[in-house]
Amino acid sequence: MKTGVEWIRKWTWEAIRKKTRRQNELAYLFDTDTINLTFRNHPQVIARTARTPAEDIFISSLSAEELLRGILSEINRARSRPTASIAALSLYLVDLLEGLAEFQILPYTDEAERLFRSFPASVKRIGGMDCRIAAHAIVSGSIVITRNTQDFARIPGVQLEDWSV
């Protein structure tokens, strides 16, 4: 019987292999801002998403981490405030988890991290998470879908589109 760690390693490797696409296949990697726009039913993003095959749309595990870190931080802060509604934040957490489950989540890879680390400091100043998401997209052969085109355009090799316009 496999231990928990062995199972996780096997599952992670299988997930990466399963979600790795052939170079000529078109895939879209939603940036965190686009995920938020989707959750808020932004009309242009929803319309474009509806016209795109679901199997071509991914989010990075980094974006899921970023969103979860944000709500968990809010919950932790609320615990120290007597007037805060932890129940409302807890409900938001459940909604977030259910929303994230609607997406295919592409696991971040060592190859993407190596590419990120090779970016010059002038590029990394844009922001660590944006640069990592860009590296993830480059390595996976995906197009980043973001409203933040100004920053992402400064990252060499990244392809991007803005579905909010």
C-alpha atoms as a PDB file:
ATOM      1  CA  MET A   1       0.000   0.000   0.000  1.00  0.00           C
ATOM      2  CA  LYS A   2       1.268   3.458  -0.872  1.00  0.00           C
ATOM      3  CA  THR A   3       1.948   5.994   1.824  1.00  0.00           C
ATOM      4  CA  GLY A   4       0.237   9.379   1.664  1.00  0.00           C
ATOM      5  CA  VAL A   5       3.347  11.050   0.269  1.00  0.00           C
ATOM      6  CA  GLU A   6       3.807   8.370  -2.415  1.00  0.00           C
ATOM      7  CA  TRP A   7       0.162   8.690  -3.415  1.00  0.00           C
ATOM      8  CA  ILE A   8       0.438  12.471  -3.660  1.00  0.00           C
ATOM      9  CA  ARG A   9       3.610  12.199  -5.759  1.00  0.00           C
ATOM     10  CA  LYS A  10       1.952   9.679  -8.086  1.00  0.00           C
ATOM     11  CA  TRP A  11      -1.224  11.752  -8.300  1.00  0.00           C
ATOM     12  CA  THR A  12       0.744  14.940  -9.000  1.00  0.00           C
ATOM     13  CA  TRP A  13       2.822  13.321 -11.727  1.00  0.00           C
ATOM     14  CA  GLU A  14      -0.269  11.790 -13.348  1.00  0.00           C
ATOM     15  CA  ALA A  15      -2.101  15.121 -13.170  1.00  0.00           C
ATOM     16  CA  ILE A  16       0.804  16.931 -14.810  1.00  0.00           C
ATOM     17  CA  ARG A  17       1.069  14.332 -17.571  1.00  0.00           C
ATOM     18  CA  LYS A  18      -2.684  14.341 -18.135  1.00  0.00           C
ATOM     19  CA  LYS A  19      -2.853  18.118 -18.315  1.00  0.00           C
ATOM     20  CA  THR A  20       0.236  18.607 -20.452  1.00  0.00           C
ATOM     21  CA  ARG A  21      -0.916  19.509 -23.922  1.00  0.00           C
ATOM     22  CA  ARG A  22       0.674  18.965 -27.292  1.00  0.00           C
ATOM     23  CA  GLN A  23       2.455  22.050 -28.602  1.00  0.00           C
ATOM     24  CA  ASN A  24      -0.018  22.652 -31.441  1.00  0.00           C
ATOM     25  CA  GLU A  25      -3.088  22.614 -29.202  1.00  0.00           C
ATOM     26  CA  LEU A  26      -4.455  25.976 -28.125  1.00  0.00           C
ATOM     27  CA  ALA A  27      -4.913  26.431 -24.392  1.00  0.00           C
ATOM     28  CA  TYR A  28      -5.838  29.416 -22.274  1.00  0.00           C
ATOM     29  CA  LEU A  29      -4.535  30.059 -18.775  1.00  0.00           C
ATOM     30  CA  PHE A  30      -6.726  32.474 -16.828  1.00  0.00           C
ATOM     31  CA  ASP A  31      -4.868  34.982 -14.690  1.00  0.00           C
ATOM     32  CA  THR A  32      -6.261  35.575 -11.213  1.00  0.00           C
ATOM     33  CA  ASP A  33      -8.005  38.774 -12.308  1.00  0.00           C
ATOM     34  CA  THR A  34      -9.856  36.896 -15.062  1.00  0.00           C
ATOM     35  CA  ILE A  35     -10.951  34.228 -12.593  1.00  0.00           C
ATOM     36  CA  ASN A  36     -12.387  36.993 -10.418  1.00  0.00           C
ATOM     37  CA  LEU A  37     -14.153  38.512 -13.438  1.00  0.00           C
ATOM     38  CA  THR A  38     -15.647  35.102 -14.182  1.00  0.00           C
ATOM     39  CA  PHE A  39     -16.893  34.766 -10.600  1.00  0.00           C
ATOM     40  CA  ARG A  40     -18.465  38.234 -10.933  1.00  0.00           C
ATOM     41  CA  ASN A  41     -20.195  37.291 -14.217  1.00  0.00           C
ATOM     42  CA  HIS A  42     -18.363  39.884 -16.325  1.00  0.00           C
ATOM     43  CA  PRO A  43     -20.401  39.828 -19.575  1.00  0.00           C
ATOM     44  CA  GLN A  44     -17.519  39.832 -22.081  1.00  0.00           C
ATOM     45  CA  VAL A  45     -15.483  37.267 -20.156  1.00  0.00           C
ATOM     46  CA  ILE A  46     -18.516  35.004 -19.729  1.00  0.00           C
ATOM     47  CA  ALA A  47     -19.423  35.305 -23.433  1.00  0.00           C
ATOM     48  CA  ARG A  48     -15.895  34.511 -24.624  1.00  0.00           C
ATOM     49  CA  THR A  49     -15.574  31.656 -22.135  1.00  0.00           C
ATOM     50  CA  ALA A  50     -18.860  30.196 -23.388  1.00  0.00           C
ATOM     51  CA  ARG A  51     -17.525  30.237 -26.980  1.00  0.00           C
ATOM     52  CA  THR A  52     -14.339  28.412 -25.972  1.00  0.00           C
ATOM     53  CA  PRO A  53     -14.215  24.640 -25.435  1.00  0.00           C
ATOM     54  CA  ALA A  54     -14.022  23.947 -21.691  1.00  0.00           C
ATOM     55  CA  GLU A  55     -11.118  21.558 -22.205  1.00  0.00           C
ATOM     56  CA  ASP A  56      -9.029  24.469 -23.508  1.00  0.00           C
ATOM     57  CA  ILE A  57      -9.420  26.633 -20.378  1.00  0.00           C
ATOM     58  CA  PHE A  58      -7.147  26.230 -17.368  1.00  0.00           C
ATOM     59  CA  ILE A  59      -6.185  28.090 -14.248  1.00  0.00           C
ATOM     60  CA  SER A  60      -2.782  27.856 -12.650  1.00  0.00           C
ATOM     61  CA  SER A  61      -2.463  26.243  -9.258  1.00  0.00           C
ATOM     62  CA  LEU A  62      -0.736  29.544  -8.412  1.00  0.00           C
ATOM     63  CA  SER A  63      -3.962  31.485  -8.997  1.00  0.00           C
ATOM     64  CA  ALA A  64      -5.900  29.036  -6.841  1.00  0.00           C
ATOM     65  CA  GLU A  65      -3.268  29.517  -4.134  1.00  0.00           C
ATOM     66  CA  GLU A  66      -3.480  33.300  -4.446  1.00  0.00           C
ATOM     67  CA  LEU A  67      -7.277  33.342  -4.130  1.00  0.00           C
ATOM     68  CA  LEU A  68      -7.320  30.891  -1.227  1.00  0.00           C
ATOM     69  CA  ARG A  69      -4.547  32.727   0.588  1.00  0.00           C
ATOM     70  CA  GLY A  70      -6.587  35.931   0.336  1.00  0.00           C
ATOM     71  CA  ILE A  71      -9.799  34.559   1.833  1.00  0.00           C
ATOM     72  CA  LEU A  72      -7.972  32.548   4.510  1.00  0.00           C
ATOM     73  CA  SER A  73      -6.129  35.704   5.536  1.00  0.00           C
ATOM     74  CA  GLU A  74      -9.465  37.544   5.815  1.00  0.00           C
ATOM     75  CA  ILE A  75     -10.895  34.756   7.962  1.00  0.00           C
ATOM     76  CA  ASN A  76      -7.873  34.842  10.264  1.00  0.00           C
ATOM     77  CA  ARG A  77      -8.120  38.629  10.641  1.00  0.00           C
ATOM     78  CA  ALA A  78     -11.856  38.389  11.324  1.00  0.00           C
ATOM     79  CA  ARG A  79     -11.262  36.083  14.266  1.00  0.00           C
ATOM     80  CA  SER A  80      -9.638  38.948  16.143  1.00  0.00           C
ATOM     81  CA  ARG A  81     -12.452  41.446  15.449  1.00  0.00           C
ATOM     82  CA  PRO A  82     -15.581  41.193  17.578  1.00  0.00           C
ATOM     83  CA  THR A  83     -17.900  42.587  14.907  1.00  0.00           C
ATOM     84  CA  ALA A  84     -16.627  40.544  11.955  1.00  0.00           C
ATOM     85  CA  SER A  85     -18.820  37.882  10.435  1.00  0.00           C
ATOM     86  CA  ILE A  86     -16.750  34.744  10.176  1.00  0.00           C
ATOM     87  CA  ALA A  87     -19.846  32.918   8.931  1.00  0.00           C
ATOM     88  CA  ALA A  88     -20.102  35.186   5.871  1.00  0.00           C
ATOM     89  CA  LEU A  89     -16.410  34.736   5.133  1.00  0.00           C
ATOM     90  CA  SER A  90     -16.757  30.996   5.587  1.00  0.00           C
ATOM     91  CA  LEU A  91     -19.607  30.988   3.080  1.00  0.00           C
ATOM     92  CA  TYR A  92     -17.410  32.947   0.665  1.00  0.00           C
ATOM     93  CA  LEU A  93     -14.671  30.326   1.141  1.00  0.00           C
ATOM     94  CA  VAL A  94     -17.131  27.563   0.225  1.00  0.00           C
ATOM     95  CA  ASP A  95     -18.258  29.531  -2.850  1.00  0.00           C
ATOM     96  CA  LEU A  96     -14.631  30.060  -3.855  1.00  0.00           C
ATOM     97  CA  LEU A  97     -13.788  26.365  -3.514  1.00  0.00           C
ATOM     98  CA  GLU A  98     -16.835  25.407  -5.559  1.00  0.00           C
ATOM     99  CA  GLY A  99     -15.976  28.029  -8.181  1.00  0.00           C
ATOM    100  CA  LEU A 100     -12.385  26.858  -8.466  1.00  0.00           C
ATOM    101  CA  ALA A 101     -13.600  23.272  -8.856  1.00  0.00           C
ATOM    102  CA  GLU A 102     -15.328  24.322 -12.092  1.00  0.00           C
ATOM    103  CA  PHE A 103     -11.932  24.936 -13.701  1.00  0.00           C
ATOM    104  CA  GLN A 104      -9.199  22.589 -14.808  1.00  0.00           C
ATOM    105  CA  ILE A 105      -6.289  23.430 -12.532  1.00  0.00           C
ATOM    106  CA  LEU A 106      -2.858  23.119 -14.097  1.00  0.00           C
ATOM    107  CA  PRO A 107      -0.194  22.194 -11.531  1.00  0.00           C
ATOM    108  CA  TYR A 108       2.810  24.516 -11.392  1.00  0.00           C
ATOM    109  CA  THR A 109       5.980  22.733 -12.494  1.00  0.00           C
ATOM    110  CA  ASP A 110       9.676  22.796 -11.734  1.00  0.00           C
ATOM    111  CA  GLU A 111      10.260  23.730 -15.377  1.00  0.00           C
ATOM    112  CA  ALA A 112       8.070  26.824 -14.970  1.00  0.00           C
ATOM    113  CA  GLU A 113       9.910  27.749 -11.771  1.00  0.00           C
ATOM    114  CA  ARG A 114      13.280  27.427 -13.545  1.00  0.00           C
ATOM    115  CA  LEU A 115      12.029  29.726 -16.302  1.00  0.00           C
ATOM    116  CA  PHE A 116      10.755  32.213 -13.711  1.00  0.00           C
ATOM    117  CA  ARG A 117      14.136  32.196 -11.954  1.00  0.00           C
ATOM    118  CA  SER A 118      15.853  32.932 -15.271  1.00  0.00           C
ATOM    119  CA  PHE A 119      13.873  36.157 -15.754  1.00  0.00           C
ATOM    120  CA  PRO A 120      16.019  39.245 -15.154  1.00  0.00           C
ATOM    121  CA  ALA A 121      15.347  41.360 -12.064  1.00  0.00           C
ATOM    122  CA  SER A 122      13.860  44.083 -14.263  1.00  0.00           C
ATOM    123  CA  VAL A 123      11.112  41.660 -15.332  1.00  0.00           C
ATOM    124  CA  LYS A 124      10.547  40.243 -11.839  1.00  0.00           C
ATOM    125  CA  ARG A 125       9.803  43.763 -10.579  1.00  0.00           C
ATOM    126  CA  ILE A 126       6.430  43.403 -12.312  1.00  0.00           C
ATOM    127  CA  GLY A 127       5.474  40.993  -9.549  1.00  0.00           C
ATOM    128  CA  GLY A 128       6.495  37.511  -8.532  1.00  0.00           C
ATOM    129  CA  MET A 129       3.097  35.901  -8.967  1.00  0.00           C
ATOM    130  CA  ASP A 130       2.436  37.470 -12.389  1.00  0.00           C
ATOM    131  CA  CYS A 131       5.887  36.402 -13.576  1.00  0.00           C
ATOM    132  CA  ARG A 132       5.338  32.868 -12.298  1.00  0.00           C
ATOM    133  CA  ILE A 133       1.941  32.666 -14.020  1.00  0.00           C
ATOM    134  CA  ALA A 134       3.591  33.915 -17.231  1.00  0.00           C
ATOM    135  CA  ALA A 135       6.348  31.300 -16.906  1.00  0.00           C
ATOM    136  CA  HIS A 136       3.685  28.651 -16.283  1.00  0.00           C
ATOM    137  CA  ALA A 137       1.855  29.711 -19.452  1.00  0.00           C
ATOM    138  CA  ILE A 138       5.027  29.768 -21.550  1.00  0.00           C
ATOM    139  CA  VAL A 139       6.100  26.308 -20.405  1.00  0.00           C
ATOM    140  CA  SER A 140       2.616  24.829 -20.900  1.00  0.00           C
ATOM    141  CA  GLY A 141       2.182  26.493 -24.297  1.00  0.00           C
ATOM    142  CA  SER A 142      -0.814  28.494 -23.086  1.00  0.00           C
ATOM    143  CA  ILE A 143      -2.062  32.007 -23.717  1.00  0.00           C
ATOM    144  CA  VAL A 144      -2.524  34.102 -20.565  1.00  0.00           C
ATOM    145  CA  ILE A 145      -6.007  35.612 -20.330  1.00  0.00           C
ATOM    146  CA  THR A 146      -5.719  38.797 -18.277  1.00  0.00           C
ATOM    147  CA  ARG A 147      -6.851  42.383 -17.988  1.00  0.00           C
ATOM    148  CA  ASN A 148      -3.340  43.213 -16.810  1.00  0.00           C
ATOM    149  CA  THR A 149      -1.900  43.330 -20.323  1.00  0.00           C
ATOM    150  CA  GLN A 150       0.444  46.223 -19.577  1.00  0.00           C
ATOM    151  CA  ASP A 151       2.509  44.245 -17.046  1.00  0.00           C
ATOM    152  CA  PHE A 152       2.313  40.865 -18.765  1.00  0.00           C
ATOM    153  CA  ALA A 153       3.421  42.392 -22.091  1.00  0.00           C
ATOM    154  CA  ARG A 154       6.784  43.206 -20.479  1.00  0.00           C
ATOM    155  CA  ILE A 155       7.491  39.520 -19.838  1.00  0.00           C
ATOM    156  CA  PRO A 156       9.451  38.009 -22.746  1.00  0.00           C
ATOM    157  CA  GLY A 157       7.832  35.098 -24.548  1.00  0.00           C
ATOM    158  CA  VAL A 158       4.364  35.333 -23.028  1.00  0.00           C
ATOM    159  CA  GLN A 159       1.281  35.355 -25.246  1.00  0.00           C
ATOM    160  CA  LEU A 160      -1.729  37.155 -23.848  1.00  0.00           C
ATOM    161  CA  GLU A 161      -5.275  38.203 -24.554  1.00  0.00           C
ATOM    162  CA  ASP A 162      -7.781  40.371 -22.721  1.00  0.00           C
ATOM    163  CA  TRP A 163     -11.259  38.850 -22.822  1.00  0.00           C
ATOM    164  CA  SER A 164     -12.793  41.669 -20.773  1.00  0.00           C
ATOM    165  CA  VAL A 165     -12.979  44.119 -23.699  1.00  0.00           C
END
